[in-house]
C-alpha atoms as a PDB file:
ATOM      1  CA  MET A   1       0.000   0.000   0.000  1.00  0.00           C
ATOM      2  CA  ALA A   2       2.810   2.414   0.857  1.00  0.00           C
ATOM      3  CA  LYS A   3       4.228   1.746  -2.594  1.00  0.00           C
ATOM      4  CA  GLY A   4       0.964   2.798  -4.199  1.00  0.00           C
ATOM      5  CA  LEU A   5       0.014  -0.670  -5.396  1.00  0.00           C
ATOM      6  CA  THR A   6      -3.580  -1.609  -6.058  1.00  0.00           C
ATOM      7  CA  ASN A   7      -5.197  -4.486  -4.189  1.00  0.00           C
ATOM      8  CA  LYS A   8      -4.775  -6.645  -7.274  1.00  0.00           C
ATOM      9  CA  GLU A   9      -1.073  -5.787  -7.604  1.00  0.00           C
ATOM     10  CA  SER A  10      -0.523  -6.451  -3.903  1.00  0.00           C
ATOM     11  CA  ALA A  11      -2.302  -9.798  -4.195  1.00  0.00           C
ATOM     12  CA  ILE A  12      -0.087 -10.838  -7.093  1.00  0.00           C
ATOM     13  CA  ASN A  13       3.095  -9.771  -5.272  1.00  0.00           C
ATOM     14  CA  LEU A  14       2.062 -11.622  -2.104  1.00  0.00           C
ATOM     15  CA  SER A  15       0.646 -14.697  -3.878  1.00  0.00           C
ATOM     16  CA  LEU A  16      -2.758 -14.080  -2.305  1.00  0.00           C
ATOM     17  CA  SER A  17      -6.212 -13.623  -3.726  1.00  0.00           C
ATOM     18  CA  GLU A  18      -7.454 -10.090  -4.227  1.00  0.00           C
ATOM     19  CA  LYS A  19     -10.320 -10.880  -1.852  1.00  0.00           C
ATOM     20  CA  THR A  20      -7.836 -11.807   0.894  1.00  0.00           C
ATOM     21  CA  VAL A  21      -6.039  -8.486   0.439  1.00  0.00           C
ATOM     22  CA  LYS A  22      -9.342  -6.595   0.612  1.00  0.00           C
ATOM     23  CA  ASN A  23     -10.411  -8.464   3.755  1.00  0.00           C
ATOM     24  CA  ASP A  24      -7.058  -7.893   5.439  1.00  0.00           C
ATOM     25  CA  LEU A  25      -7.191  -4.189   4.630  1.00  0.00           C
ATOM     26  CA  ALA A  26     -10.732  -3.967   5.994  1.00  0.00           C
ATOM     27  CA  ASN A  27      -9.465  -5.491   9.252  1.00  0.00           C
ATOM     28  CA  ILE A  28      -6.616  -2.979   9.391  1.00  0.00           C
ATOM     29  CA  TYR A  29      -9.037  -0.096   8.748  1.00  0.00           C
ATOM     30  CA  SER A  30     -11.239  -1.344  11.558  1.00  0.00           C
ATOM     31  CA  LYS A  31      -8.410  -1.799  14.076  1.00  0.00           C
ATOM     32  CA  LEU A  32      -7.012   1.665  13.339  1.00  0.00           C
ATOM     33  CA  ASN A  33     -10.521   3.171  13.199  1.00  0.00           C
ATOM     34  CA  ILE A  34      -9.944   4.770   9.830  1.00  0.00           C
ATOM     35  CA  GLY A  35     -11.895   4.732   6.612  1.00  0.00           C
ATOM     36  CA  ARG A  36      -9.584   5.651   3.777  1.00  0.00           C
ATOM     37  CA  ARG A  37      -6.540   4.072   2.192  1.00  0.00           C
ATOM     38  CA  SER A  38      -4.802   7.461   2.204  1.00  0.00           C
ATOM     39  CA  GLN A  39      -4.986   7.549   6.016  1.00  0.00           C
ATOM     40  CA  ILE A  40      -3.072   4.277   6.258  1.00  0.00           C
ATOM     41  CA  ALA A  41      -0.479   5.598   3.831  1.00  0.00           C
ATOM     42  CA  ALA A  42      -0.126   8.751   5.954  1.00  0.00           C
ATOM     43  CA  PHE A  43       0.221   6.652   9.108  1.00  0.00           C
ATOM     44  CA  TYR A  44       2.882   4.478   7.480  1.00  0.00           C
ATOM     45  CA  ALA A  45       4.811   7.447   6.085  1.00  0.00           C
ATOM     46  CA  GLY A  46       4.674   9.274   9.408  1.00  0.00           C
ATOM     47  CA  SER A  47       5.918   6.281  11.361  1.00  0.00           C
ATOM     48  CA  PHE A  48       9.090   6.143   9.290  1.00  0.00           C
ATOM     49  CA  LYS A  49       9.787   9.840   8.909  1.00  0.00           C
ATOM     50  CA  GLY A  50       9.563  10.687  12.571  1.00  0.00           C
ATOM     51  CA  SER A  51       6.473  12.838  12.111  1.00  0.00           C
ATOM     52  CA  GLU A  52       3.557  12.069  14.347  1.00  0.00           C
ATOM     53  CA  VAL A  53       0.271  11.040  12.778  1.00  0.00           C
ATOM     54  CA  ARG A  54      -2.559  10.825  15.292  1.00  0.00           C
ATOM     55  CA  LEU A  55      -5.400   8.462  14.594  1.00  0.00           C
ATOM     56  CA  PRO A  56      -8.437   8.057  16.823  1.00  0.00           C
ATOM     57  CA  MET A  57      -8.304   5.041  19.111  1.00  0.00           C
ATOM     58  CA  ALA A  58     -10.498   2.152  18.063  1.00  0.00           C
ATOM     59  CA  THR A  59     -13.356   1.416  20.432  1.00  0.00           C
ATOM     60  CA  ARG A  60     -13.616  -2.066  21.813  1.00  0.00           C
END
């Protein structure tokens, strides 16, 4: 995702089905309490550049 790959491209690279990639991403979205792919990319980029990206805590 950080490389800008589509779900299909990620699935091919990881030898997974596209549906598996979509389901895994949906789980990540849920755990991080976010709704857009761009928010995950921002989180990832921030975690490696030292900048702080604040996401709301997921409710349990």
